[in-house]
């Protein structure tokens, strides 16, 4: 059993929130009237953004100069990566 929060929606549905305690694939078994629903179990991939590490990140950046650093998501689990670099006159956004 996991700790969760329930939000009751206006159309009669429920939205369930929970925070996984492991990284990786997680099975979620859903029951209605003590019977599993047809789609149960659901498989979700839990990840931890705090486990992403930046290596050799320069303390400052200057415009029109190449800066190299490493993004290490090894221990974060399966997920998407978004990089955003912002400056006074620029904004760069990329998804991996």
N, C-alpha and C. Protein backbone atom coordinates (compact mmCIF):
# COMPACT_ATOMS: atom_id res chain seq x y z
N UNK A 1 0.85 -1.18 0.00
CA UNK A 1 0.00 0.00 0.00
C UNK A 1 0.89 1.24 0.00
N UNK A 2 0.52 2.27 -0.76
CA UNK A 2 1.29 3.51 -0.83
C UNK A 2 0.46 4.67 -0.30
N UNK A 3 1.14 5.71 0.15
CA UNK A 3 0.46 6.94 0.55
C UNK A 3 0.07 7.71 -0.71
N UNK A 4 -1.11 8.25 -0.73
CA UNK A 4 -1.58 8.99 -1.90
C UNK A 4 -2.57 10.07 -1.49
N UNK A 5 -2.81 11.00 -2.42
CA UNK A 5 -3.83 12.05 -2.22
C UNK A 5 -4.85 11.89 -3.33
N UNK A 6 -6.09 12.16 -3.01
CA UNK A 6 -7.17 12.08 -3.99
C UNK A 6 -7.76 13.45 -4.25
N UNK A 7 -7.96 13.77 -5.52
CA UNK A 7 -8.66 15.00 -5.92
C UNK A 7 -9.93 14.57 -6.65
N UNK A 8 -11.07 15.05 -6.18
CA UNK A 8 -12.35 14.71 -6.80
C UNK A 8 -12.67 15.76 -7.85
N UNK A 9 -12.81 15.34 -9.11
CA UNK A 9 -13.06 16.25 -10.22
C UNK A 9 -14.56 16.50 -10.38
N UNK A 10 -14.89 17.63 -10.99
CA UNK A 10 -16.29 18.01 -11.15
C UNK A 10 -17.10 17.02 -11.98
N UNK A 11 -16.44 16.31 -12.90
CA UNK A 11 -17.18 15.37 -13.75
C UNK A 11 -17.33 13.98 -13.12
N UNK A 12 -16.97 13.83 -11.82
CA UNK A 12 -17.15 12.57 -11.12
C UNK A 12 -15.91 11.69 -11.09
N UNK A 13 -14.89 12.04 -11.87
CA UNK A 13 -13.65 11.25 -11.85
C UNK A 13 -12.81 11.62 -10.63
N UNK A 14 -11.83 10.78 -10.35
CA UNK A 14 -10.88 11.04 -9.28
C UNK A 14 -9.49 11.12 -9.88
N UNK A 15 -8.67 12.02 -9.35
CA UNK A 15 -7.26 12.11 -9.73
C UNK A 15 -6.45 11.72 -8.52
N UNK A 16 -5.55 10.75 -8.69
CA UNK A 16 -4.76 10.23 -7.59
C UNK A 16 -3.32 10.72 -7.74
N UNK A 17 -2.74 11.24 -6.66
CA UNK A 17 -1.36 11.69 -6.63
C UNK A 17 -0.58 10.83 -5.65
N UNK A 18 0.60 10.43 -6.04
CA UNK A 18 1.47 9.69 -5.12
C UNK A 18 2.92 9.99 -5.47
N UNK A 19 3.82 9.73 -4.56
CA UNK A 19 5.24 9.93 -4.80
C UNK A 19 5.95 8.59 -4.64
N UNK A 20 6.50 8.05 -5.75
CA UNK A 20 7.16 6.76 -5.67
C UNK A 20 8.39 6.82 -4.75
N UNK A 21 8.73 5.70 -4.19
CA UNK A 21 9.90 5.62 -3.32
C UNK A 21 11.06 4.91 -3.99
N UNK A 22 10.89 4.48 -5.24
CA UNK A 22 11.94 3.82 -6.00
C UNK A 22 12.07 4.48 -7.37
N UNK A 23 13.21 4.28 -8.01
CA UNK A 23 13.44 4.77 -9.37
C UNK A 23 13.34 3.57 -10.30
N UNK A 24 12.66 3.78 -11.43
CA UNK A 24 12.51 2.71 -12.42
C UNK A 24 11.06 2.34 -12.61
N UNK A 25 10.81 1.19 -13.26
CA UNK A 25 9.43 0.78 -13.52
C UNK A 25 8.69 0.45 -12.22
N UNK A 26 7.46 0.93 -12.12
CA UNK A 26 6.63 0.70 -10.93
C UNK A 26 5.28 0.18 -11.40
N UNK A 27 4.81 -0.91 -10.81
CA UNK A 27 3.47 -1.43 -11.10
C UNK A 27 2.47 -0.79 -10.16
N UNK A 28 1.39 -0.28 -10.74
CA UNK A 28 0.31 0.29 -9.94
C UNK A 28 -0.94 -0.55 -10.18
N UNK A 29 -1.40 -1.21 -9.13
CA UNK A 29 -2.60 -2.05 -9.21
C UNK A 29 -3.80 -1.22 -8.76
N UNK A 30 -4.82 -1.18 -9.61
CA UNK A 30 -6.00 -0.36 -9.32
C UNK A 30 -7.22 -1.28 -9.15
N UNK A 31 -7.91 -1.07 -8.05
CA UNK A 31 -9.09 -1.89 -7.74
C UNK A 31 -10.33 -1.00 -7.65
N UNK A 32 -11.46 -1.54 -8.05
CA UNK A 32 -12.76 -0.90 -7.87
C UNK A 32 -13.68 -1.95 -7.28
N UNK A 33 -14.28 -1.65 -6.13
CA UNK A 33 -15.12 -2.62 -5.40
C UNK A 33 -14.35 -3.91 -5.13
N UNK A 34 -13.10 -3.76 -4.71
CA UNK A 34 -12.21 -4.88 -4.38
C UNK A 34 -11.88 -5.80 -5.56
N UNK A 35 -12.12 -5.36 -6.79
CA UNK A 35 -11.80 -6.12 -7.99
C UNK A 35 -10.84 -5.28 -8.85
N UNK A 36 -9.80 -5.91 -9.43
CA UNK A 36 -8.89 -5.13 -10.28
C UNK A 36 -9.62 -4.66 -11.54
N UNK A 37 -9.32 -3.43 -11.97
CA UNK A 37 -9.90 -2.95 -13.23
C UNK A 37 -9.17 -3.63 -14.38
N UNK A 38 -9.76 -3.60 -15.59
CA UNK A 38 -9.20 -4.31 -16.74
C UNK A 38 -7.77 -3.87 -17.08
N UNK A 39 -7.45 -2.61 -16.93
CA UNK A 39 -6.14 -2.09 -17.32
C UNK A 39 -5.08 -2.29 -16.24
N UNK A 40 -5.44 -2.86 -15.12
CA UNK A 40 -4.52 -3.00 -14.00
C UNK A 40 -3.67 -4.26 -14.17
N UNK A 41 -2.38 -4.23 -13.86
CA UNK A 41 -1.65 -3.10 -13.31
C UNK A 41 -1.15 -2.16 -14.40
N UNK A 42 -0.99 -0.90 -14.03
CA UNK A 42 -0.36 0.09 -14.90
C UNK A 42 1.13 0.09 -14.60
N UNK A 43 1.94 0.27 -15.63
CA UNK A 43 3.38 0.37 -15.44
C UNK A 43 3.78 1.82 -15.70
N UNK A 44 4.40 2.46 -14.72
CA UNK A 44 4.90 3.82 -14.87
C UNK A 44 6.40 3.80 -14.60
N UNK A 45 7.11 4.77 -15.12
CA UNK A 45 8.55 4.87 -14.92
C UNK A 45 8.82 6.05 -13.99
N UNK A 46 9.23 5.74 -12.78
CA UNK A 46 9.54 6.78 -11.79
C UNK A 46 10.98 7.25 -12.00
N UNK A 47 11.19 8.56 -11.88
CA UNK A 47 12.53 9.11 -12.02
C UNK A 47 12.75 10.18 -10.96
N UNK A 48 14.01 10.56 -10.78
CA UNK A 48 14.38 11.54 -9.76
C UNK A 48 15.22 12.64 -10.40
N UNK A 49 14.62 13.78 -10.73
CA UNK A 49 15.39 14.87 -11.35
C UNK A 49 16.56 15.35 -10.49
N UNK A 50 16.45 15.21 -9.18
CA UNK A 50 17.54 15.64 -8.29
C UNK A 50 18.77 14.76 -8.44
N UNK A 51 18.62 13.59 -9.07
CA UNK A 51 19.76 12.68 -9.26
C UNK A 51 20.54 12.98 -10.53
N UNK A 52 20.13 13.99 -11.31
CA UNK A 52 20.89 14.42 -12.49
C UNK A 52 22.01 15.34 -12.02
N UNK A 53 23.24 15.05 -12.48
CA UNK A 53 24.39 15.84 -12.04
C UNK A 53 25.07 16.52 -13.22
N UNK A 54 25.47 17.76 -13.01
CA UNK A 54 26.25 18.50 -14.00
C UNK A 54 27.71 18.40 -13.61
N UNK A 55 28.55 18.01 -14.57
CA UNK A 55 29.97 17.82 -14.32
C UNK A 55 30.76 18.82 -15.16
N UNK A 56 31.75 19.45 -14.56
CA UNK A 56 32.61 20.44 -15.24
C UNK A 56 31.82 21.63 -15.76
N UNK A 57 30.80 22.04 -15.05
CA UNK A 57 30.00 23.20 -15.44
C UNK A 57 30.78 24.47 -15.09
N UNK A 58 31.06 25.33 -16.09
CA UNK A 58 31.79 26.57 -15.80
C UNK A 58 31.00 27.46 -14.84
N UNK A 59 31.70 28.23 -14.04
CA UNK A 59 31.03 29.14 -13.10
C UNK A 59 30.39 30.31 -13.81
N UNK A 60 30.92 30.68 -14.99
CA UNK A 60 30.31 31.76 -15.76
C UNK A 60 30.39 31.42 -17.24
N UNK A 61 29.51 32.03 -18.01
CA UNK A 61 29.46 31.82 -19.45
C UNK A 61 29.62 33.16 -20.13
N UNK A 62 30.21 33.15 -21.32
CA UNK A 62 30.28 34.38 -22.12
C UNK A 62 29.68 34.09 -23.48
N UNK A 63 29.10 35.10 -24.07
CA UNK A 63 28.40 34.95 -25.35
C UNK A 63 29.38 34.57 -26.46
N UNK A 64 28.90 33.83 -27.41
CA UNK A 64 29.61 33.41 -28.60
C UNK A 64 30.91 32.67 -28.28
N UNK A 65 30.87 31.91 -27.22
CA UNK A 65 31.99 31.07 -26.81
C UNK A 65 31.44 29.67 -26.56
N UNK A 66 32.20 28.67 -26.98
CA UNK A 66 31.78 27.29 -26.75
C UNK A 66 32.13 26.90 -25.32
N UNK A 67 31.15 26.38 -24.61
CA UNK A 67 31.35 25.90 -23.25
C UNK A 67 30.92 24.43 -23.23
N UNK A 68 31.74 23.57 -22.68
CA UNK A 68 31.42 22.15 -22.64
C UNK A 68 31.27 21.71 -21.18
N UNK A 69 30.25 20.89 -20.94
CA UNK A 69 30.06 20.27 -19.64
C UNK A 69 29.29 18.97 -19.86
N UNK A 70 29.24 18.15 -18.86
CA UNK A 70 28.60 16.85 -18.96
C UNK A 70 27.34 16.82 -18.10
N UNK A 71 26.28 16.27 -18.66
CA UNK A 71 25.04 16.03 -17.92
C UNK A 71 24.98 14.53 -17.66
N UNK A 72 25.01 14.14 -16.39
CA UNK A 72 25.00 12.73 -16.02
C UNK A 72 23.66 12.34 -15.38
N UNK A 73 22.77 11.69 -16.16
CA UNK A 73 21.48 11.25 -15.62
C UNK A 73 21.48 9.78 -15.19
N UNK A 74 22.66 9.18 -15.06
CA UNK A 74 22.79 7.74 -14.83
C UNK A 74 21.89 7.21 -13.72
N UNK A 75 21.84 7.90 -12.58
CA UNK A 75 21.09 7.40 -11.43
C UNK A 75 19.68 8.00 -11.32
N UNK A 76 19.25 8.74 -12.34
CA UNK A 76 17.96 9.44 -12.26
C UNK A 76 16.78 8.60 -12.71
N UNK A 77 17.03 7.53 -13.45
CA UNK A 77 15.93 6.73 -13.98
C UNK A 77 15.53 7.22 -15.37
N UNK A 78 14.59 6.53 -15.98
CA UNK A 78 14.13 6.85 -17.33
C UNK A 78 13.25 8.09 -17.30
N UNK A 79 13.55 9.05 -18.16
CA UNK A 79 12.76 10.28 -18.23
C UNK A 79 13.26 11.13 -19.38
N UNK A 80 12.72 12.32 -19.52
CA UNK A 80 13.16 13.22 -20.58
C UNK A 80 14.10 14.26 -20.01
N UNK A 81 14.89 14.85 -20.88
CA UNK A 81 15.86 15.85 -20.46
C UNK A 81 15.59 17.14 -21.22
N UNK A 82 15.46 18.24 -20.52
CA UNK A 82 15.25 19.55 -21.13
C UNK A 82 16.37 20.46 -20.66
N UNK A 83 17.03 21.10 -21.62
CA UNK A 83 18.11 22.03 -21.30
C UNK A 83 17.66 23.42 -21.68
N UNK A 84 17.80 24.36 -20.77
CA UNK A 84 17.41 25.74 -21.02
C UNK A 84 18.55 26.65 -20.59
N UNK A 85 19.03 27.48 -21.51
CA UNK A 85 20.08 28.44 -21.22
C UNK A 85 19.50 29.82 -21.45
N UNK A 86 19.57 30.64 -20.42
CA UNK A 86 18.98 31.98 -20.52
C UNK A 86 20.04 33.03 -20.27
N UNK A 87 19.95 34.10 -21.01
CA UNK A 87 20.84 35.23 -20.83
C UNK A 87 20.06 36.51 -20.97
N UNK A 88 20.75 37.63 -20.88
CA UNK A 88 20.05 38.92 -20.97
C UNK A 88 19.30 39.09 -22.28
N UNK A 89 19.91 38.67 -23.40
CA UNK A 89 19.29 38.89 -24.71
C UNK A 89 19.02 37.60 -25.46
N UNK A 90 19.10 36.47 -24.79
CA UNK A 90 18.88 35.22 -25.49
C UNK A 90 18.18 34.20 -24.61
N UNK A 91 17.58 33.25 -25.28
CA UNK A 91 16.97 32.12 -24.59
C UNK A 91 17.08 30.92 -25.52
N UNK A 92 17.66 29.85 -25.04
CA UNK A 92 17.83 28.64 -25.83
C UNK A 92 17.19 27.49 -25.07
N UNK A 93 16.38 26.71 -25.75
CA UNK A 93 15.69 25.58 -25.12
C UNK A 93 15.82 24.38 -26.03
N UNK A 94 16.18 23.24 -25.46
CA UNK A 94 16.30 22.03 -26.25
C UNK A 94 15.81 20.84 -25.45
N UNK A 95 15.17 19.89 -26.12
CA UNK A 95 14.69 18.66 -25.49
C UNK A 95 15.49 17.49 -26.05
N UNK A 96 15.85 16.56 -25.20
CA UNK A 96 16.58 15.36 -25.64
C UNK A 96 15.75 14.14 -25.37
